[in-house]
Amino acid sequence: MADVVTADAPDHGGPRITFMMFGSADDPMLGAWLRFRSQLMGRSHQDARPVPGVAGGDDHSRSDGRGGGQVGLWRLLASNNRELGRSFVLYRGFEQARAHVHRIQSEPEHLTASYVSGPVHGSRGWVVSLKGTPIMTCSRWYDSSSARAAAASGALTALPLARLSDIPDRSGPSGRFLPRTASSHV
C-alpha cells in the first residue's frame, strides 16, 4: 500500500496523489473538470455509471452541480508537480476518495488504458479503467498518438506507486485553493 504524506512531512519525490475538495457546485474549477470529462465520456464511455463499491461515487448525470454539499476529485502528480491524470469519479467526501484510491492502487494488474479522440480534429486523450470501470482520465489533449500513449503509460506506472496526501486541498469562493492547514482535514 502507498505511503501517506502528512502536511508536515517533506516531499521525498516520486508521484503523489492530492485531493481537491470543492465547497460549492458552482466552483469554476469543478465546472471546467466536468466539461473536460464530458468530452471524454462522449467519445468512449457513453454509459458511465457510479463506481461499484464506492459509496457516493457519482456518475456524470448526477454530478453536474445540482447536488448540495462538498464534492471532490483526486489528481495524480509527478515529482515536478506536473499533472499526470485525474480521477474520473466525482466523490462526495475526502475519506471516500482516499479509500477508493487505496483500492485502485491495490489492483494495478486490473488497470487498462483506452484511447479516445478529442473534440477537435487531431486531439487525442485516454481513460484508465479498473476492471472495465473508468477511474482516471488524462488532464489535457495530446497532439500525437505517441505522446498520448507515453502519457497513458506513465500514468499507469505512477498510479500504484503514488503517495497519498492525508489533507485535501480546498477551493475558496474565488476558485483558488486555500492554504493547507491541519484543520483542513474534515
N, C-alpha and C. Protein backbone atom coordinates (compact mmCIF):
# COMPACT_ATOMS: atom_id res chain seq x y z
N MET A 1 0.84 -1.17 0.00
CA MET A 1 0.00 0.00 0.00
C MET A 1 0.89 1.24 0.00
N ALA A 2 0.39 2.34 -0.50
CA ALA A 2 1.17 3.57 -0.65
C ALA A 2 1.44 4.22 0.70
N ASP A 3 2.57 4.93 0.76
CA ASP A 3 2.89 5.71 1.95
C ASP A 3 1.94 6.89 2.06
N VAL A 4 1.79 7.38 3.25
CA VAL A 4 0.93 8.53 3.50
C VAL A 4 1.80 9.77 3.62
N VAL A 5 1.40 10.85 3.00
CA VAL A 5 2.10 12.12 3.11
C VAL A 5 1.33 12.98 4.10
N THR A 6 2.02 13.46 5.10
CA THR A 6 1.35 14.35 6.05
C THR A 6 1.70 15.79 5.69
N ALA A 7 0.95 16.73 6.23
CA ALA A 7 1.16 18.14 5.91
C ALA A 7 2.54 18.60 6.33
N ASP A 8 3.12 18.01 7.38
CA ASP A 8 4.42 18.43 7.87
C ASP A 8 5.57 17.62 7.30
N ALA A 9 5.28 16.53 6.60
CA ALA A 9 6.32 15.67 6.08
C ALA A 9 6.95 16.27 4.83
N PRO A 10 8.28 16.14 4.69
CA PRO A 10 8.92 16.64 3.48
C PRO A 10 8.53 15.78 2.29
N ASP A 11 8.56 16.37 1.11
CA ASP A 11 8.26 15.64 -0.11
C ASP A 11 9.51 14.87 -0.51
N HIS A 12 9.41 13.56 -0.60
CA HIS A 12 10.55 12.72 -0.93
C HIS A 12 10.61 12.40 -2.41
N GLY A 13 9.94 13.16 -3.24
CA GLY A 13 9.96 12.91 -4.67
C GLY A 13 9.04 11.77 -5.04
N GLY A 14 8.98 11.50 -6.31
CA GLY A 14 8.12 10.44 -6.80
C GLY A 14 6.70 10.93 -6.98
N PRO A 15 5.86 10.10 -7.58
CA PRO A 15 4.48 10.51 -7.82
C PRO A 15 3.68 10.60 -6.53
N ARG A 16 2.67 11.46 -6.57
CA ARG A 16 1.80 11.59 -5.40
C ARG A 16 0.38 11.91 -5.87
N ILE A 17 -0.53 11.71 -4.97
CA ILE A 17 -1.94 12.00 -5.24
C ILE A 17 -2.41 13.04 -4.25
N THR A 18 -2.99 14.10 -4.81
CA THR A 18 -3.60 15.14 -3.99
C THR A 18 -5.11 15.07 -4.20
N PHE A 19 -5.83 15.57 -3.24
CA PHE A 19 -7.29 15.54 -3.28
C PHE A 19 -7.81 16.96 -3.29
N MET A 20 -8.72 17.26 -4.19
CA MET A 20 -9.31 18.58 -4.33
C MET A 20 -10.76 18.51 -3.87
N MET A 21 -11.11 19.32 -2.88
CA MET A 21 -12.48 19.38 -2.40
C MET A 21 -13.05 20.74 -2.74
N PHE A 22 -14.25 20.75 -3.26
CA PHE A 22 -14.92 21.97 -3.68
C PHE A 22 -16.07 22.25 -2.74
N GLY A 23 -16.11 23.46 -2.19
CA GLY A 23 -17.15 23.84 -1.25
C GLY A 23 -18.47 24.20 -1.92
N SER A 24 -18.42 24.38 -3.24
CA SER A 24 -19.62 24.79 -3.95
C SER A 24 -19.69 24.09 -5.30
N ALA A 25 -20.89 23.72 -5.69
CA ALA A 25 -21.09 23.12 -7.01
C ALA A 25 -20.89 24.14 -8.12
N ASP A 26 -20.83 25.42 -7.77
CA ASP A 26 -20.61 26.49 -8.74
C ASP A 26 -19.13 26.81 -8.92
N ASP A 27 -18.24 26.08 -8.28
CA ASP A 27 -16.81 26.35 -8.36
C ASP A 27 -16.35 26.28 -9.82
N PRO A 28 -15.63 27.29 -10.32
CA PRO A 28 -15.22 27.29 -11.73
C PRO A 28 -14.27 26.14 -12.09
N MET A 29 -13.41 25.72 -11.14
CA MET A 29 -12.52 24.59 -11.43
C MET A 29 -13.29 23.29 -11.56
N LEU A 30 -14.31 23.12 -10.74
CA LEU A 30 -15.15 21.93 -10.84
C LEU A 30 -15.90 21.93 -12.17
N GLY A 31 -16.42 23.08 -12.57
CA GLY A 31 -17.12 23.18 -13.85
C GLY A 31 -16.21 22.84 -15.02
N ALA A 32 -14.97 23.30 -14.97
CA ALA A 32 -14.02 23.00 -16.05
C ALA A 32 -13.73 21.50 -16.10
N TRP A 33 -13.58 20.87 -14.94
CA TRP A 33 -13.33 19.42 -14.90
C TRP A 33 -14.52 18.66 -15.49
N LEU A 34 -15.73 19.04 -15.11
CA LEU A 34 -16.92 18.36 -15.63
C LEU A 34 -17.03 18.52 -17.15
N ARG A 35 -16.72 19.70 -17.67
CA ARG A 35 -16.77 19.90 -19.13
C ARG A 35 -15.74 19.04 -19.84
N PHE A 36 -14.52 18.99 -19.32
CA PHE A 36 -13.48 18.18 -19.92
C PHE A 36 -13.86 16.70 -19.87
N ARG A 37 -14.32 16.23 -18.72
CA ARG A 37 -14.70 14.83 -18.58
C ARG A 37 -15.85 14.47 -19.50
N SER A 38 -16.79 15.37 -19.71
CA SER A 38 -17.93 15.07 -20.59
C SER A 38 -17.45 14.86 -22.02
N GLN A 39 -16.39 15.56 -22.44
CA GLN A 39 -15.84 15.34 -23.78
C GLN A 39 -15.22 13.96 -23.89
N LEU A 40 -14.58 13.49 -22.83
CA LEU A 40 -14.01 12.14 -22.83
C LEU A 40 -15.11 11.09 -22.83
N MET A 41 -16.15 11.31 -22.05
CA MET A 41 -17.25 10.35 -21.97
C MET A 41 -18.00 10.26 -23.28
N GLY A 42 -18.18 11.36 -23.95
CA GLY A 42 -18.93 11.39 -25.19
C GLY A 42 -18.26 10.59 -26.29
N ARG A 43 -16.97 10.38 -26.16
CA ARG A 43 -16.22 9.66 -27.18
C ARG A 43 -16.09 8.17 -26.89
N SER A 44 -16.01 7.80 -25.60
CA SER A 44 -15.67 6.43 -25.29
C SER A 44 -16.59 5.77 -24.26
N HIS A 45 -17.10 6.54 -23.34
CA HIS A 45 -17.84 5.96 -22.21
C HIS A 45 -19.24 6.57 -22.13
N GLN A 46 -20.05 6.28 -23.11
CA GLN A 46 -21.39 6.86 -23.20
C GLN A 46 -22.25 6.52 -21.99
N ASP A 47 -22.02 5.37 -21.39
CA ASP A 47 -22.90 4.91 -20.31
C ASP A 47 -22.17 4.86 -18.97
N ALA A 48 -21.39 5.88 -18.65
CA ALA A 48 -20.64 5.89 -17.39
C ALA A 48 -21.60 5.74 -16.22
N ARG A 49 -21.20 4.94 -15.26
CA ARG A 49 -22.02 4.66 -14.08
C ARG A 49 -21.20 4.92 -12.82
N PRO A 50 -21.87 5.01 -11.67
CA PRO A 50 -21.11 5.13 -10.43
C PRO A 50 -20.16 3.94 -10.28
N VAL A 51 -19.03 4.17 -9.64
CA VAL A 51 -18.06 3.11 -9.44
C VAL A 51 -18.60 2.12 -8.42
N PRO A 52 -18.65 0.82 -8.76
CA PRO A 52 -19.15 -0.17 -7.80
C PRO A 52 -18.31 -0.16 -6.53
N GLY A 53 -18.96 -0.26 -5.40
CA GLY A 53 -18.26 -0.33 -4.13
C GLY A 53 -17.78 1.02 -3.61
N VAL A 54 -18.10 2.10 -4.30
CA VAL A 54 -17.70 3.42 -3.83
C VAL A 54 -18.97 4.14 -3.40
N ALA A 55 -19.24 4.12 -2.12
CA ALA A 55 -20.46 4.76 -1.62
C ALA A 55 -20.42 6.23 -1.95
N GLY A 56 -21.39 6.68 -2.71
CA GLY A 56 -21.45 8.09 -3.06
C GLY A 56 -20.67 8.46 -4.28
N GLY A 57 -19.90 7.54 -4.86
CA GLY A 57 -19.22 7.82 -6.12
C GLY A 57 -20.27 8.19 -7.14
N ASP A 58 -20.06 9.24 -7.88
CA ASP A 58 -21.12 9.75 -8.72
C ASP A 58 -20.82 9.59 -10.19
N ASP A 59 -21.85 9.50 -10.98
CA ASP A 59 -21.68 9.48 -12.42
C ASP A 59 -21.95 10.87 -12.96
N HIS A 60 -21.67 11.09 -14.22
CA HIS A 60 -21.76 12.41 -14.83
C HIS A 60 -23.16 13.01 -14.74
N SER A 61 -24.16 12.21 -14.96
CA SER A 61 -25.51 12.76 -15.00
C SER A 61 -25.95 13.31 -13.64
N ARG A 62 -25.41 12.78 -12.55
CA ARG A 62 -25.80 13.27 -11.24
C ARG A 62 -24.79 14.23 -10.64
N SER A 63 -23.61 14.36 -11.23
CA SER A 63 -22.58 15.22 -10.65
C SER A 63 -22.40 16.48 -11.47
N ASP A 64 -23.48 17.05 -11.90
CA ASP A 64 -23.41 18.22 -12.75
C ASP A 64 -23.65 19.52 -11.98
N GLY A 65 -23.45 19.48 -10.67
CA GLY A 65 -23.55 20.71 -9.90
C GLY A 65 -24.91 20.93 -9.27
N ARG A 66 -25.85 20.01 -9.42
CA ARG A 66 -27.17 20.23 -8.84
C ARG A 66 -27.26 19.75 -7.40
N GLY A 67 -26.30 18.93 -6.97
CA GLY A 67 -26.36 18.41 -5.62
C GLY A 67 -25.76 19.38 -4.63
N GLY A 68 -26.04 19.16 -3.36
CA GLY A 68 -25.50 20.02 -2.33
C GLY A 68 -24.30 19.38 -1.67
N GLY A 69 -23.66 20.12 -0.78
CA GLY A 69 -22.54 19.60 -0.02
C GLY A 69 -21.24 19.64 -0.79
N GLN A 70 -20.20 19.14 -0.12
CA GLN A 70 -18.88 19.14 -0.73
C GLN A 70 -18.70 17.97 -1.67
N VAL A 71 -17.99 18.23 -2.75
CA VAL A 71 -17.62 17.19 -3.69
C VAL A 71 -16.14 17.35 -4.00
N GLY A 72 -15.53 16.29 -4.50
CA GLY A 72 -14.11 16.38 -4.79
C GLY A 72 -13.64 15.33 -5.76
N LEU A 73 -12.36 15.46 -6.09
CA LEU A 73 -11.70 14.53 -7.00
C LEU A 73 -10.24 14.44 -6.60
N TRP A 74 -9.49 13.55 -7.24
CA TRP A 74 -8.07 13.43 -6.95
C TRP A 74 -7.25 13.67 -8.21
N ARG A 75 -6.00 14.08 -8.00
CA ARG A 75 -5.07 14.34 -9.09
C ARG A 75 -3.79 13.55 -8.86
N LEU A 76 -3.30 12.91 -9.91
CA LEU A 76 -2.03 12.20 -9.88
C LEU A 76 -0.95 13.15 -10.40
N LEU A 77 0.06 13.43 -9.56
CA LEU A 77 1.10 14.39 -9.90
C LEU A 77 2.47 13.72 -9.93
N ALA A 78 3.30 14.17 -10.87
CA ALA A 78 4.69 13.73 -10.93
C ALA A 78 5.47 14.49 -9.86
N SER A 79 6.72 14.11 -9.63
CA SER A 79 7.53 14.77 -8.60
C SER A 79 7.75 16.25 -8.90
N ASN A 80 7.62 16.66 -10.17
CA ASN A 80 7.79 18.08 -10.53
C ASN A 80 6.44 18.83 -10.54
N ASN A 81 5.41 18.24 -9.97
CA ASN A 81 4.05 18.80 -9.87
C ASN A 81 3.28 18.80 -11.18
N ARG A 82 3.81 18.19 -12.22
CA ARG A 82 3.06 18.08 -13.48
C ARG A 82 1.94 17.07 -13.28
N GLU A 83 0.75 17.45 -13.71
CA GLU A 83 -0.39 16.55 -13.55
C GLU A 83 -0.31 15.44 -14.58
N LEU A 84 -0.34 14.19 -14.11
CA LEU A 84 -0.30 13.02 -14.98
C LEU A 84 -1.69 12.52 -15.32
N GLY A 85 -2.64 12.74 -14.42
CA GLY A 85 -4.01 12.29 -14.62
C GLY A 85 -4.87 12.78 -13.49
N ARG A 86 -6.18 12.56 -13.63
CA ARG A 86 -7.10 12.97 -12.57
C ARG A 86 -8.25 11.97 -12.51
N SER A 87 -8.92 11.97 -11.39
CA SER A 87 -9.98 10.98 -11.21
C SER A 87 -11.12 11.19 -12.20
N PHE A 88 -11.69 10.10 -12.61
CA PHE A 88 -12.87 10.12 -13.46
C PHE A 88 -14.11 10.32 -12.59
N VAL A 89 -14.05 9.80 -11.37
CA VAL A 89 -15.18 9.81 -10.45
C VAL A 89 -15.19 11.10 -9.64
N LEU A 90 -16.36 11.64 -9.43
CA LEU A 90 -16.56 12.77 -8.53
C LEU A 90 -17.03 12.19 -7.20
N TYR A 91 -16.32 12.51 -6.12
CA TYR A 91 -16.60 11.93 -4.81
C TYR A 91 -17.36 12.89 -3.92
N ARG A 92 -18.06 12.34 -2.96
CA ARG A 92 -18.83 13.16 -2.03
C ARG A 92 -18.10 13.42 -0.72
N GLY A 93 -16.82 13.08 -0.67
CA GLY A 93 -16.05 13.36 0.53
C GLY A 93 -14.61 12.93 0.37
N PHE A 94 -13.72 13.53 1.17
CA PHE A 94 -12.30 13.25 1.13
C PHE A 94 -11.99 11.80 1.50
N GLU A 95 -12.55 11.32 2.60
CA GLU A 95 -12.26 9.95 3.05
C GLU A 95 -12.70 8.93 2.01
N GLN A 96 -13.83 9.17 1.38
CA GLN A 96 -14.32 8.26 0.35
C GLN A 96 -13.36 8.22 -0.83
N ALA A 97 -12.89 9.39 -1.26
CA ALA A 97 -11.96 9.46 -2.38
C ALA A 97 -10.65 8.76 -2.03
N ARG A 98 -10.15 9.02 -0.85
CA ARG A 98 -8.88 8.42 -0.43
C ARG A 98 -8.98 6.89 -0.34
N ALA A 99 -10.07 6.40 0.22
CA ALA A 99 -10.26 4.94 0.32
C ALA A 99 -10.34 4.31 -1.07
N HIS A 100 -11.01 4.99 -2.00
CA HIS A 100 -11.12 4.44 -3.35
C HIS A 100 -9.75 4.39 -4.03
N VAL A 101 -8.92 5.41 -3.83
CA VAL A 101 -7.58 5.39 -4.43
C VAL A 101 -6.76 4.24 -3.84
N HIS A 102 -6.86 4.00 -2.54
CA HIS A 102 -6.16 2.86 -1.93
C HIS A 102 -6.59 1.56 -2.62
N ARG A 103 -7.88 1.40 -2.85
CA ARG A 103 -8.39 0.20 -3.51
C ARG A 103 -7.83 0.08 -4.93
N ILE A 104 -7.83 1.19 -5.66
CA ILE A 104 -7.30 1.19 -7.03
C ILE A 104 -5.83 0.79 -7.01
N GLN A 105 -5.06 1.35 -6.09
CA GLN A 105 -3.63 1.06 -6.02
C GLN A 105 -3.35 -0.40 -5.69
N SER A 106 -4.28 -1.07 -5.04
CA SER A 106 -4.07 -2.47 -4.67
C SER A 106 -4.36 -3.43 -5.83
N GLU A 107 -4.85 -2.91 -6.95
CA GLU A 107 -5.19 -3.77 -8.08
C GLU A 107 -4.58 -3.28 -9.40
N PRO A 108 -3.25 -3.01 -9.44
CA PRO A 108 -2.66 -2.45 -10.65
C PRO A 108 -2.76 -3.37 -11.86
N GLU A 109 -2.84 -4.65 -11.62
CA GLU A 109 -2.93 -5.61 -12.73
C GLU A 109 -4.27 -5.52 -13.46
N HIS A 110 -5.25 -4.86 -12.87
CA HIS A 110 -6.57 -4.72 -13.49
C HIS A 110 -6.79 -3.35 -14.14
N LEU A 111 -5.74 -2.53 -14.18
CA LEU A 111 -5.84 -1.20 -14.80
C LEU A 111 -5.51 -1.30 -16.29
N THR A 112 -6.36 -0.70 -17.11
CA THR A 112 -6.11 -0.66 -18.55
C THR A 112 -6.42 0.74 -19.08
N ALA A 113 -5.71 1.11 -20.13
CA ALA A 113 -5.94 2.42 -20.75
C ALA A 113 -6.65 2.21 -22.08
N SER A 114 -7.60 3.08 -22.35
CA SER A 114 -8.23 3.11 -23.67
C SER A 114 -8.03 4.51 -24.24
N TYR A 115 -7.91 4.58 -25.54
CA TYR A 115 -7.63 5.84 -26.22
C TYR A 115 -8.91 6.43 -26.79
N VAL A 116 -9.01 7.75 -26.71
CA VAL A 116 -10.18 8.46 -27.23
C VAL A 116 -9.73 9.60 -28.12
N SER A 117 -10.62 10.00 -29.02
CA SER A 117 -10.38 11.17 -29.86
C SER A 117 -11.03 12.37 -29.20
N GLY A 118 -10.38 13.53 -29.33
CA GLY A 118 -10.88 14.75 -28.71
C GLY A 118 -11.91 15.46 -29.57
N PRO A 119 -12.42 16.58 -29.06
CA PRO A 119 -13.47 17.31 -29.76
C PRO A 119 -12.96 18.06 -31.00
N VAL A 120 -11.66 18.27 -31.07
CA VAL A 120 -11.05 18.98 -32.20
C VAL A 120 -10.22 17.98 -32.99
N HIS A 121 -10.29 18.07 -34.31
CA HIS A 121 -9.53 17.15 -35.16
C HIS A 121 -8.06 17.13 -34.73
N GLY A 122 -7.52 15.95 -34.52
CA GLY A 122 -6.13 15.81 -34.13
C GLY A 122 -5.88 15.80 -32.64
N SER A 123 -6.91 16.00 -31.83
CA SER A 123 -6.71 15.94 -30.37
C SER A 123 -6.98 14.53 -29.90
N ARG A 124 -6.14 14.08 -28.98
CA ARG A 124 -6.20 12.70 -28.52
C ARG A 124 -6.11 12.66 -27.00
N GLY A 125 -6.79 11.70 -26.40
CA GLY A 125 -6.76 11.54 -24.95
C GLY A 125 -6.82 10.08 -24.55
N TRP A 126 -6.94 9.84 -23.26
CA TRP A 126 -7.01 8.48 -22.74
C TRP A 126 -7.86 8.44 -21.48
N VAL A 127 -8.36 7.25 -21.18
CA VAL A 127 -9.12 6.97 -19.97
C VAL A 127 -8.61 5.65 -19.41
N VAL A 128 -8.30 5.61 -18.12
CA VAL A 128 -7.88 4.38 -17.46
C VAL A 128 -9.08 3.78 -16.75
N SER A 129 -9.23 2.47 -16.90
CA SER A 129 -10.34 1.75 -16.26
C SER A 129 -9.79 0.69 -15.32
N LEU A 130 -10.56 0.41 -14.30
CA LEU A 130 -10.29 -0.69 -13.38
C LEU A 130 -11.38 -1.72 -13.61
N LYS A 131 -11.00 -2.86 -14.15
CA LYS A 131 -11.95 -3.93 -14.47
C LYS A 131 -13.10 -3.40 -15.31
N GLY A 132 -12.81 -2.53 -16.27
CA GLY A 132 -13.82 -2.02 -17.19
C GLY A 132 -14.56 -0.77 -16.74
N THR A 133 -14.32 -0.31 -15.51
CA THR A 133 -14.99 0.89 -15.00
C THR A 133 -14.01 2.06 -15.03
N PRO A 134 -14.34 3.17 -15.69
CA PRO A 134 -13.43 4.31 -15.75
C PRO A 134 -13.10 4.86 -14.37
N ILE A 135 -11.80 5.11 -14.13
CA ILE A 135 -11.38 5.65 -12.83
C ILE A 135 -10.44 6.85 -12.94
N MET A 136 -9.77 7.02 -14.10
CA MET A 136 -8.82 8.12 -14.25
C MET A 136 -8.80 8.57 -15.71
N THR A 137 -8.59 9.89 -15.91
CA THR A 137 -8.51 10.43 -17.26
C THR A 137 -7.22 11.24 -17.42
N CYS A 138 -6.91 11.49 -18.67
CA CYS A 138 -5.84 12.44 -18.95
C CYS A 138 -6.32 13.81 -18.46
N SER A 139 -5.39 14.74 -18.33
CA SER A 139 -5.79 16.07 -17.87
C SER A 139 -5.71 17.10 -18.98
N ARG A 140 -5.32 16.65 -20.17
CA ARG A 140 -5.26 17.55 -21.32
C ARG A 140 -5.31 16.70 -22.59
N TRP A 141 -5.47 17.37 -23.72
CA TRP A 141 -5.46 16.70 -25.02
C TRP A 141 -4.04 16.66 -25.56
N TYR A 142 -3.72 15.62 -26.30
CA TYR A 142 -2.39 15.45 -26.89
C TYR A 142 -2.48 15.60 -28.40
N ASP A 143 -1.38 16.10 -29.01
CA ASP A 143 -1.34 16.34 -30.45
C ASP A 143 -0.96 15.11 -31.26
N SER A 144 -0.34 14.12 -30.62
CA SER A 144 0.09 12.94 -31.37
C SER A 144 -0.29 11.67 -30.63
N SER A 145 -0.41 10.60 -31.39
CA SER A 145 -0.73 9.29 -30.80
C SER A 145 0.40 8.82 -29.89
N SER A 146 1.66 9.10 -30.27
CA SER A 146 2.79 8.65 -29.45
C SER A 146 2.84 9.40 -28.12
N ALA A 147 2.56 10.71 -28.12
CA ALA A 147 2.53 11.47 -26.87
C ALA A 147 1.41 10.97 -25.97
N ARG A 148 0.26 10.69 -26.56
CA ARG A 148 -0.87 10.16 -25.78
C ARG A 148 -0.52 8.82 -25.16
N ALA A 149 0.08 7.93 -25.94
CA ALA A 149 0.44 6.59 -25.44
C ALA A 149 1.48 6.69 -24.33
N ALA A 150 2.47 7.57 -24.49
CA ALA A 150 3.50 7.73 -23.47
C ALA A 150 2.89 8.29 -22.18
N ALA A 151 1.98 9.24 -22.31
CA ALA A 151 1.34 9.83 -21.13
C ALA A 151 0.49 8.79 -20.40
N ALA A 152 -0.28 8.01 -21.13
CA ALA A 152 -1.12 6.98 -20.51
C ALA A 152 -0.25 5.93 -19.81
N SER A 153 0.83 5.52 -20.46
CA SER A 153 1.74 4.53 -19.88
C SER A 153 2.38 5.08 -18.60
N GLY A 154 2.80 6.34 -18.64
CA GLY A 154 3.39 6.96 -17.46
C GLY A 154 2.42 7.03 -16.29
N ALA A 155 1.17 7.38 -16.59
CA ALA A 155 0.15 7.46 -15.53
C ALA A 155 -0.12 6.07 -14.95
N LEU A 156 -0.19 5.06 -15.81
CA LEU A 156 -0.43 3.69 -15.34
C LEU A 156 0.70 3.21 -14.44
N THR A 157 1.93 3.60 -14.76
CA THR A 157 3.08 3.22 -13.95
C THR A 157 3.09 3.96 -12.62
N ALA A 158 2.77 5.25 -12.65
CA ALA A 158 2.85 6.09 -11.45
C ALA A 158 1.73 5.83 -10.45
N LEU A 159 0.54 5.53 -10.93
CA LEU A 159 -0.63 5.44 -10.05
C LEU A 159 -0.43 4.46 -8.88
N PRO A 160 0.02 3.23 -9.11
CA PRO A 160 0.16 2.31 -7.96
C PRO A 160 1.26 2.70 -6.99
N LEU A 161 2.21 3.53 -7.43
CA LEU A 161 3.35 3.92 -6.60
C LEU A 161 3.13 5.24 -5.86
N ALA A 162 2.12 5.97 -6.22
CA ALA A 162 1.92 7.33 -5.71
C ALA A 162 1.62 7.35 -4.22
N ARG A 163 2.21 8.33 -3.54
CA ARG A 163 1.92 8.57 -2.13
C ARG A 163 0.67 9.43 -2.05
N LEU A 164 -0.17 9.16 -1.07
CA LEU A 164 -1.44 9.88 -0.92
C LEU A 164 -1.33 10.98 0.13
N SER A 165 -1.83 12.14 -0.22
CA SER A 165 -1.91 13.22 0.75
C SER A 165 -2.96 12.86 1.80
N ASP A 166 -2.69 13.26 3.03
CA ASP A 166 -3.68 12.99 4.08
C ASP A 166 -4.53 14.20 4.41
N ILE A 167 -4.33 15.30 3.67
CA ILE A 167 -5.11 16.51 3.85
C ILE A 167 -5.58 16.98 2.48
N PRO A 168 -6.86 17.24 2.31
CA PRO A 168 -7.33 17.69 0.99
C PRO A 168 -7.01 19.16 0.73
N ASP A 169 -6.87 19.49 -0.53
CA ASP A 169 -6.82 20.89 -0.94
C ASP A 169 -8.27 21.34 -1.06
N ARG A 170 -8.54 22.58 -0.68
CA ARG A 170 -9.91 23.10 -0.73
C ARG A 170 -9.93 24.39 -1.52
N SER A 171 -10.98 24.54 -2.32
CA SER A 171 -11.10 25.78 -3.09
C SER A 171 -11.90 26.79 -2.29
N GLY A 172 -11.53 28.05 -2.47
CA GLY A 172 -12.23 29.14 -1.82
C GLY A 172 -13.29 29.71 -2.75
N PRO A 173 -13.97 30.76 -2.32
CA PRO A 173 -15.04 31.35 -3.12
C PRO A 173 -14.58 31.85 -4.49
N SER A 174 -13.30 32.23 -4.61
CA SER A 174 -12.80 32.75 -5.88
C SER A 174 -12.43 31.63 -6.85
N GLY A 175 -12.42 30.37 -6.39
CA GLY A 175 -11.99 29.27 -7.22
C GLY A 175 -10.52 28.93 -7.01
N ARG A 176 -9.80 29.75 -6.26
CA ARG A 176 -8.40 29.47 -5.94
C ARG A 176 -8.34 28.56 -4.73
N PHE A 177 -7.24 27.81 -4.63
CA PHE A 177 -7.11 26.91 -3.49
C PHE A 177 -6.66 27.65 -2.25
N LEU A 178 -7.23 27.25 -1.11
CA LEU A 178 -6.89 27.83 0.18
C LEU A 178 -5.63 27.14 0.70
N PRO A 179 -4.86 27.80 1.55
CA PRO A 179 -3.65 27.16 2.13
C PRO A 179 -4.04 25.93 2.94
N ARG A 180 -3.18 24.93 2.92
CA ARG A 180 -3.41 23.70 3.71
C ARG A 180 -3.14 23.99 5.17
N THR A 181 -4.00 23.46 6.02
CA THR A 181 -3.79 23.52 7.46
C THR A 181 -4.20 22.19 8.04
N ALA A 182 -3.72 21.89 9.22
CA ALA A 182 -4.11 20.64 9.87
C ALA A 182 -5.61 20.59 10.08
N SER A 183 -6.25 21.74 10.26
CA SER A 183 -7.70 21.76 10.48
C SER A 183 -8.47 21.59 9.18
N SER A 184 -7.77 21.53 8.02
CA SER A 184 -8.43 21.34 6.74
C SER A 184 -8.99 19.93 6.61
N HIS A 185 -8.49 19.03 7.42
CA HIS A 185 -8.88 17.63 7.32
C HIS A 185 -10.20 17.40 8.07
N VAL A 186 -11.32 17.59 7.36
CA VAL A 186 -12.65 17.37 7.95
C VAL A 186 -13.45 16.48 7.08
